[in-house]
Amino acid sequence: MANFLFILSKDDNEALTRCCQFAKIAHSKDHHVDMFFIDDGVMWANKDRDFTMTTTTGDCPDDYLPYLVENEIKVGICTPCAQNRNVDEAKFFPNMALDGGPHLIDMAAEAKVVNF
């Protein structure tokens, strides 16, 4: 099976929905999946946000994100991106942790990378 790395860089509901949707699909097809949130994408690490806002296709992040949390899909949250946006690590989902560029590059070297 393949390794996939899904990178979210936008504070955008549709981008998060697609990122989570395709991560769920890849994992459910027995591929290895990692995720990494950078830039404004780190804003979605806050579990207190509204994940029920629907996209133009009628789905929402909450249709996919619980699966990723339950299956402990690792989500790296860019440390300087989060710190400079005052994103509180205490509000992260349990499968999310602060992480850095060196690890992102190591994961990307071994995976098919999909950016949102």
C-alpha atoms as a PDB file:
ATOM      1  CA  MET A   1       0.000   0.000   0.000  1.00  0.00           C
ATOM      2  CA  ALA A   2       1.013   3.615  -0.474  1.00  0.00           C
ATOM      3  CA  ASN A   3       1.922   6.368   1.977  1.00  0.00           C
ATOM      4  CA  PHE A   4      -0.100   9.573   1.743  1.00  0.00           C
ATOM      5  CA  LEU A   5       0.594  12.946   3.308  1.00  0.00           C
ATOM      6  CA  PHE A   6      -2.278  15.437   3.260  1.00  0.00           C
ATOM      7  CA  ILE A   7      -1.260  19.044   3.900  1.00  0.00           C
ATOM      8  CA  LEU A   8      -3.769  21.753   4.815  1.00  0.00           C
ATOM      9  CA  SER A   9      -2.594  25.360   4.535  1.00  0.00           C
ATOM     10  CA  LYS A  10      -5.885  27.288   4.469  1.00  0.00           C
ATOM     11  CA  ASP A  11      -8.410  28.344   7.084  1.00  0.00           C
ATOM     12  CA  ASP A  12     -11.144  27.285   4.690  1.00  0.00           C
ATOM     13  CA  ASN A  13     -14.056  24.953   5.452  1.00  0.00           C
ATOM     14  CA  GLU A  14     -14.092  23.388   1.977  1.00  0.00           C
ATOM     15  CA  ALA A  15     -10.333  22.777   1.996  1.00  0.00           C
ATOM     16  CA  LEU A  16     -10.557  21.085   5.410  1.00  0.00           C
ATOM     17  CA  THR A  17     -13.534  19.003   4.299  1.00  0.00           C
ATOM     18  CA  ARG A  18     -11.706  17.697   1.209  1.00  0.00           C
ATOM     19  CA  CYS A  19      -8.473  17.140   3.121  1.00  0.00           C
ATOM     20  CA  CYS A  20     -10.299  15.046   5.727  1.00  0.00           C
ATOM     21  CA  GLN A  21     -12.441  13.285   3.133  1.00  0.00           C
ATOM     22  CA  PHE A  22      -9.501  12.071   1.077  1.00  0.00           C
ATOM     23  CA  ALA A  23      -7.475  11.165   4.168  1.00  0.00           C
ATOM     24  CA  LYS A  24     -10.396   9.016   5.331  1.00  0.00           C
ATOM     25  CA  ILE A  25     -10.743   7.381   1.914  1.00  0.00           C
ATOM     26  CA  ALA A  26      -7.028   6.603   1.712  1.00  0.00           C
ATOM     27  CA  HIS A  27      -6.968   5.153   5.232  1.00  0.00           C
ATOM     28  CA  SER A  28     -10.102   3.078   4.634  1.00  0.00           C
ATOM     29  CA  LYS A  29      -8.350   1.582   1.584  1.00  0.00           C
ATOM     30  CA  ASP A  30      -5.519   0.491   3.936  1.00  0.00           C
ATOM     31  CA  HIS A  31      -3.007   3.139   2.874  1.00  0.00           C
ATOM     32  CA  HIS A  32      -0.789   4.778   5.475  1.00  0.00           C
ATOM     33  CA  VAL A  33      -1.993   8.340   6.104  1.00  0.00           C
ATOM     34  CA  ASP A  34      -0.372  11.321   7.791  1.00  0.00           C
ATOM     35  CA  MET A  35      -1.675  14.867   7.865  1.00  0.00           C
ATOM     36  CA  PHE A  36       0.031  18.184   8.503  1.00  0.00           C
ATOM     37  CA  PHE A  37      -1.538  21.613   9.030  1.00  0.00           C
ATOM     38  CA  ILE A  38       0.545  24.665   8.137  1.00  0.00           C
ATOM     39  CA  ASP A  39      -0.016  28.405   7.739  1.00  0.00           C
ATOM     40  CA  ASP A  40      -3.681  29.322   8.321  1.00  0.00           C
ATOM     41  CA  GLY A  41      -4.636  25.627   8.261  1.00  0.00           C
ATOM     42  CA  VAL A  42      -3.480  25.385  11.892  1.00  0.00           C
ATOM     43  CA  MET A  43      -6.631  27.244  12.907  1.00  0.00           C
ATOM     44  CA  TRP A  44      -8.545  23.960  12.367  1.00  0.00           C
ATOM     45  CA  ALA A  45      -6.615  22.245  15.176  1.00  0.00           C
ATOM     46  CA  ASN A  46      -9.027  23.912  17.626  1.00  0.00           C
ATOM     47  CA  LYS A  47     -11.651  21.297  18.517  1.00  0.00           C
ATOM     48  CA  ASP A  48     -14.015  24.083  19.656  1.00  0.00           C
ATOM     49  CA  ARG A  49     -14.578  25.314  16.088  1.00  0.00           C
ATOM     50  CA  ASP A  50     -17.741  24.604  14.103  1.00  0.00           C
ATOM     51  CA  PHE A  51     -17.116  21.488  12.026  1.00  0.00           C
ATOM     52  CA  THR A  52     -20.743  21.196  10.885  1.00  0.00           C
ATOM     53  CA  MET A  53     -20.744  24.023   8.337  1.00  0.00           C
ATOM     54  CA  THR A  54     -21.600  22.416   5.014  1.00  0.00           C
ATOM     55  CA  THR A  55     -19.764  22.870   1.742  1.00  0.00           C
ATOM     56  CA  THR A  56     -21.416  23.499  -1.612  1.00  0.00           C
ATOM     57  CA  THR A  57     -21.547  19.716  -2.094  1.00  0.00           C
ATOM     58  CA  GLY A  58     -23.473  19.256   1.168  1.00  0.00           C
ATOM     59  CA  ASP A  59     -20.821  17.557   3.282  1.00  0.00           C
ATOM     60  CA  CYS A  60     -18.830  19.030   6.148  1.00  0.00           C
ATOM     61  CA  PRO A  61     -15.630  18.329   8.105  1.00  0.00           C
ATOM     62  CA  ASP A  62     -17.653  16.561  10.791  1.00  0.00           C
ATOM     63  CA  ASP A  63     -18.546  13.890   8.219  1.00  0.00           C
ATOM     64  CA  TYR A  64     -14.881  12.773   8.138  1.00  0.00           C
ATOM     65  CA  LEU A  65     -12.906  14.211  11.058  1.00  0.00           C
ATOM     66  CA  PRO A  66     -14.323  11.903  13.775  1.00  0.00           C
ATOM     67  CA  TYR A  67     -13.104   8.891  11.762  1.00  0.00           C
ATOM     68  CA  LEU A  68      -9.596  10.365  11.618  1.00  0.00           C
ATOM     69  CA  VAL A  69      -9.586  11.058  15.368  1.00  0.00           C
ATOM     70  CA  GLU A  70     -10.978   7.611  16.245  1.00  0.00           C
ATOM     71  CA  ASN A  71      -8.414   5.899  14.022  1.00  0.00           C
ATOM     72  CA  GLU A  72      -5.616   8.016  15.486  1.00  0.00           C
ATOM     73  CA  ILE A  73      -4.467   9.426  12.148  1.00  0.00           C
ATOM     74  CA  LYS A  74      -1.518  11.596  13.122  1.00  0.00           C
ATOM     75  CA  VAL A  75      -1.899  15.290  12.368  1.00  0.00           C
ATOM     76  CA  GLY A  76       1.181  17.440  12.772  1.00  0.00           C
ATOM     77  CA  ILE A  77       0.494  21.070  13.593  1.00  0.00           C
ATOM     78  CA  CYS A  78       3.252  23.446  12.464  1.00  0.00           C
ATOM     79  CA  THR A  79       4.759  24.786  15.677  1.00  0.00           C
ATOM     80  CA  PRO A  80       5.702  28.318  14.564  1.00  0.00           C
ATOM     81  CA  CYS A  81       2.479  28.642  12.546  1.00  0.00           C
ATOM     82  CA  ALA A  82       0.395  27.753  15.613  1.00  0.00           C
ATOM     83  CA  GLN A  83       2.411  29.839  18.058  1.00  0.00           C
ATOM     84  CA  ASN A  84       2.290  32.945  15.882  1.00  0.00           C
ATOM     85  CA  ARG A  85      -1.497  32.577  15.552  1.00  0.00           C
ATOM     86  CA  ASN A  86      -1.990  31.931  19.288  1.00  0.00           C
ATOM     87  CA  VAL A  87      -3.465  28.479  18.641  1.00  0.00           C
ATOM     88  CA  ASP A  88      -3.839  26.785  22.026  1.00  0.00           C
ATOM     89  CA  GLU A  89      -2.396  23.263  22.089  1.00  0.00           C
ATOM     90  CA  ALA A  90      -4.782  22.394  24.941  1.00  0.00           C
ATOM     91  CA  LYS A  91      -7.645  22.653  22.419  1.00  0.00           C
ATOM     92  CA  PHE A  92      -6.115  20.190  19.916  1.00  0.00           C
ATOM     93  CA  PHE A  93      -7.860  16.953  19.024  1.00  0.00           C
ATOM     94  CA  PRO A  94      -6.112  13.961  20.656  1.00  0.00           C
ATOM     95  CA  ASN A  95      -4.547  12.853  17.340  1.00  0.00           C
ATOM     96  CA  MET A  96      -2.873  16.260  16.827  1.00  0.00           C
ATOM     97  CA  ALA A  97       0.489  17.485  18.105  1.00  0.00           C
ATOM     98  CA  LEU A  98       2.876  20.324  17.455  1.00  0.00           C
ATOM     99  CA  ASP A  99       5.460  19.360  14.863  1.00  0.00           C
ATOM    100  CA  GLY A 100       8.096  20.952  12.681  1.00  0.00           C
ATOM    101  CA  GLY A 101       9.362  21.378   9.177  1.00  0.00           C
ATOM    102  CA  PRO A 102      12.110  18.736   9.406  1.00  0.00           C
ATOM    103  CA  HIS A 103       9.548  16.012  10.159  1.00  0.00           C
ATOM    104  CA  LEU A 104       7.251  17.316   7.422  1.00  0.00           C
ATOM    105  CA  ILE A 105      10.069  16.998   4.886  1.00  0.00           C
ATOM    106  CA  ASP A 106      10.924  13.485   6.086  1.00  0.00           C
ATOM    107  CA  MET A 107       7.286  12.409   5.690  1.00  0.00           C
ATOM    108  CA  ALA A 108       7.020  14.060   2.269  1.00  0.00           C
ATOM    109  CA  ALA A 109      10.139  12.249   1.064  1.00  0.00           C
ATOM    110  CA  GLU A 110       8.355   8.926   1.603  1.00  0.00           C
ATOM    111  CA  ALA A 111       4.792   9.789   0.559  1.00  0.00           C
ATOM    112  CA  LYS A 112       2.449  10.950  -2.122  1.00  0.00           C
ATOM    113  CA  VAL A 113       1.738  14.537  -1.057  1.00  0.00           C
ATOM    114  CA  VAL A 114      -1.680  16.132  -1.510  1.00  0.00           C
ATOM    115  CA  ASN A 115      -2.067  19.845  -0.717  1.00  0.00           C
ATOM    116  CA  PHE A 116      -5.219  21.680   0.265  1.00  0.00           C
END
